[in-house]
Amino acid sequence: MDYTQSNADGHINIIMNGQFTFSDHEKFRKIIETIKAGGVKSLILDFKDVDFIDSAALGMLLVAREEGQNSSLSIVLQNTDRIEKMLKVAKFDTLFSINSSSAD
């Protein structure tokens, strides 16, 4: 997985692409560190170009959720169409705000 990050007044948008797997642990840790640093009001994780997500990546999302809760930060999973089935099986629709498609 690769990602680009933009920040506008504490609202962070991360556009991810490729496969989000266990091997992306270090990259995702950087995102978590951004949350921990403070000053973040919201985080949008955009999965538009992610075509695969494994169980380790789901675990990383849970870590992000926990950090977000500790910081009173809202986290939105966006453009999840390609990975929607995995998110539903894992019941992530009960844990996160999920926007399946972009409002292009």
Protein backbone atom coordinates (compact mmCIF):
# COMPACT_ATOMS: atom_id res chain seq x y z
CA MET A 1 0.00 0.00 0.00
CA ASP A 2 1.06 3.51 -0.73
CA TYR A 3 -0.71 6.64 0.42
CA THR A 4 -0.81 10.38 0.06
CA GLN A 5 -1.80 12.64 2.91
CA SER A 6 -3.28 16.10 2.99
CA ASN A 7 -4.05 18.20 6.05
CA ALA A 8 -6.37 21.20 6.13
CA ASP A 9 -6.90 22.78 9.54
CA GLY A 10 -6.63 19.48 11.41
CA HIS A 11 -8.75 17.52 8.95
CA ILE A 12 -6.53 14.81 7.49
CA ASN A 13 -7.37 12.98 4.28
CA ILE A 14 -5.34 9.88 3.46
CA ILE A 15 -5.76 8.40 0.01
CA MET A 16 -4.56 4.81 -0.03
CA ASN A 17 -3.83 2.57 -2.99
CA GLY A 18 -2.72 -0.97 -3.72
CA GLN A 19 -3.09 -3.81 -1.26
CA PHE A 20 -3.38 -3.05 2.45
CA THR A 21 -1.73 -5.95 4.26
CA PHE A 22 0.45 -6.94 7.20
CA SER A 23 3.51 -5.71 5.31
CA ASP A 24 2.16 -2.15 5.58
CA HIS A 25 2.43 -2.10 9.36
CA GLU A 26 5.27 0.47 9.44
CA LYS A 27 3.57 2.78 6.95
CA PHE A 28 0.33 2.67 8.89
CA ARG A 29 2.20 3.27 12.14
CA LYS A 30 3.12 6.70 10.72
CA ILE A 31 -0.57 7.46 10.31
CA ILE A 32 -1.17 6.44 13.92
CA GLU A 33 1.66 8.71 15.05
CA THR A 34 -0.03 11.60 13.24
CA ILE A 35 -3.17 10.94 15.28
CA LYS A 36 -1.19 10.73 18.53
CA ALA A 37 0.61 14.00 17.81
CA GLY A 38 -2.63 15.89 18.47
CA GLY A 39 -4.38 18.72 16.73
CA VAL A 40 -6.25 16.33 14.45
CA LYS A 41 -10.02 16.84 14.31
CA SER A 42 -10.96 14.22 11.75
CA LEU A 43 -9.36 11.51 9.68
CA ILE A 44 -10.67 10.24 6.37
CA LEU A 45 -9.14 7.02 5.09
CA ASP A 46 -9.96 6.85 1.38
CA PHE A 47 -9.88 3.30 0.00
CA LYS A 48 -10.84 4.17 -3.58
CA ASP A 49 -7.72 2.54 -5.04
CA VAL A 50 -7.31 -0.27 -2.50
CA ASP A 51 -8.17 -3.59 -4.10
CA PHE A 52 -7.38 -5.94 -1.21
CA ILE A 53 -7.31 -5.80 2.58
CA ASP A 54 -6.24 -8.62 4.91
CA SER A 55 -7.04 -9.35 8.54
CA ALA A 56 -3.85 -7.66 9.75
CA ALA A 57 -4.97 -4.46 8.03
CA LEU A 58 -8.32 -4.74 9.79
CA GLY A 59 -6.39 -4.93 13.05
CA MET A 60 -4.49 -1.77 12.12
CA LEU A 61 -7.79 -0.01 11.52
CA LEU A 62 -8.91 -1.05 14.99
CA VAL A 63 -5.75 0.49 16.45
CA ALA A 64 -6.52 3.71 14.56
CA ARG A 65 -10.07 3.62 15.94
CA GLU A 66 -8.78 3.25 19.49
CA GLU A 67 -6.34 6.14 19.06
CA GLY A 68 -9.11 8.21 17.53
CA GLN A 69 -11.38 7.54 20.49
CA ASN A 70 -8.58 8.50 22.88
CA SER A 71 -8.22 11.80 21.02
CA SER A 72 -11.95 12.46 20.42
CA LEU A 73 -11.24 12.19 16.72
CA SER A 74 -13.73 11.01 14.13
CA ILE A 75 -12.51 8.47 11.60
CA VAL A 76 -14.35 7.87 8.33
CA LEU A 77 -13.65 5.02 5.93
CA GLN A 78 -14.46 6.31 2.46
CA ASN A 79 -14.81 4.76 -1.00
CA THR A 80 -14.89 1.25 0.40
CA ASP A 81 -16.69 -0.39 -2.54
CA ARG A 82 -13.83 -2.75 -3.41
CA ILE A 83 -13.38 -3.97 0.16
CA GLU A 84 -16.99 -3.64 1.32
CA LYS A 85 -17.58 -7.37 1.74
CA MET A 86 -14.57 -7.77 4.04
CA LEU A 87 -15.64 -4.78 6.15
CA LYS A 88 -19.19 -6.12 6.50
CA VAL A 89 -18.06 -9.63 7.43
CA ALA A 90 -15.85 -8.10 10.13
CA LYS A 91 -18.79 -5.90 11.27
CA PHE A 92 -16.73 -2.75 10.75
CA ASP A 93 -19.89 -0.98 9.67
CA THR A 94 -20.82 -1.00 13.37
CA LEU A 95 -17.45 0.44 14.43
CA PHE A 96 -16.73 3.11 11.82
CA SER A 97 -18.55 5.67 9.78
CA ILE A 98 -18.35 4.19 6.27
CA ASN A 99 -19.07 6.00 3.02
CA SER A 100 -19.03 3.34 0.30
CA SER A 101 -18.82 5.58 -2.76
CA SER A 102 -17.36 8.97 -3.39
CA ALA A 103 -19.62 11.88 -4.13
CA ASP A 104 -17.72 12.69 -7.34
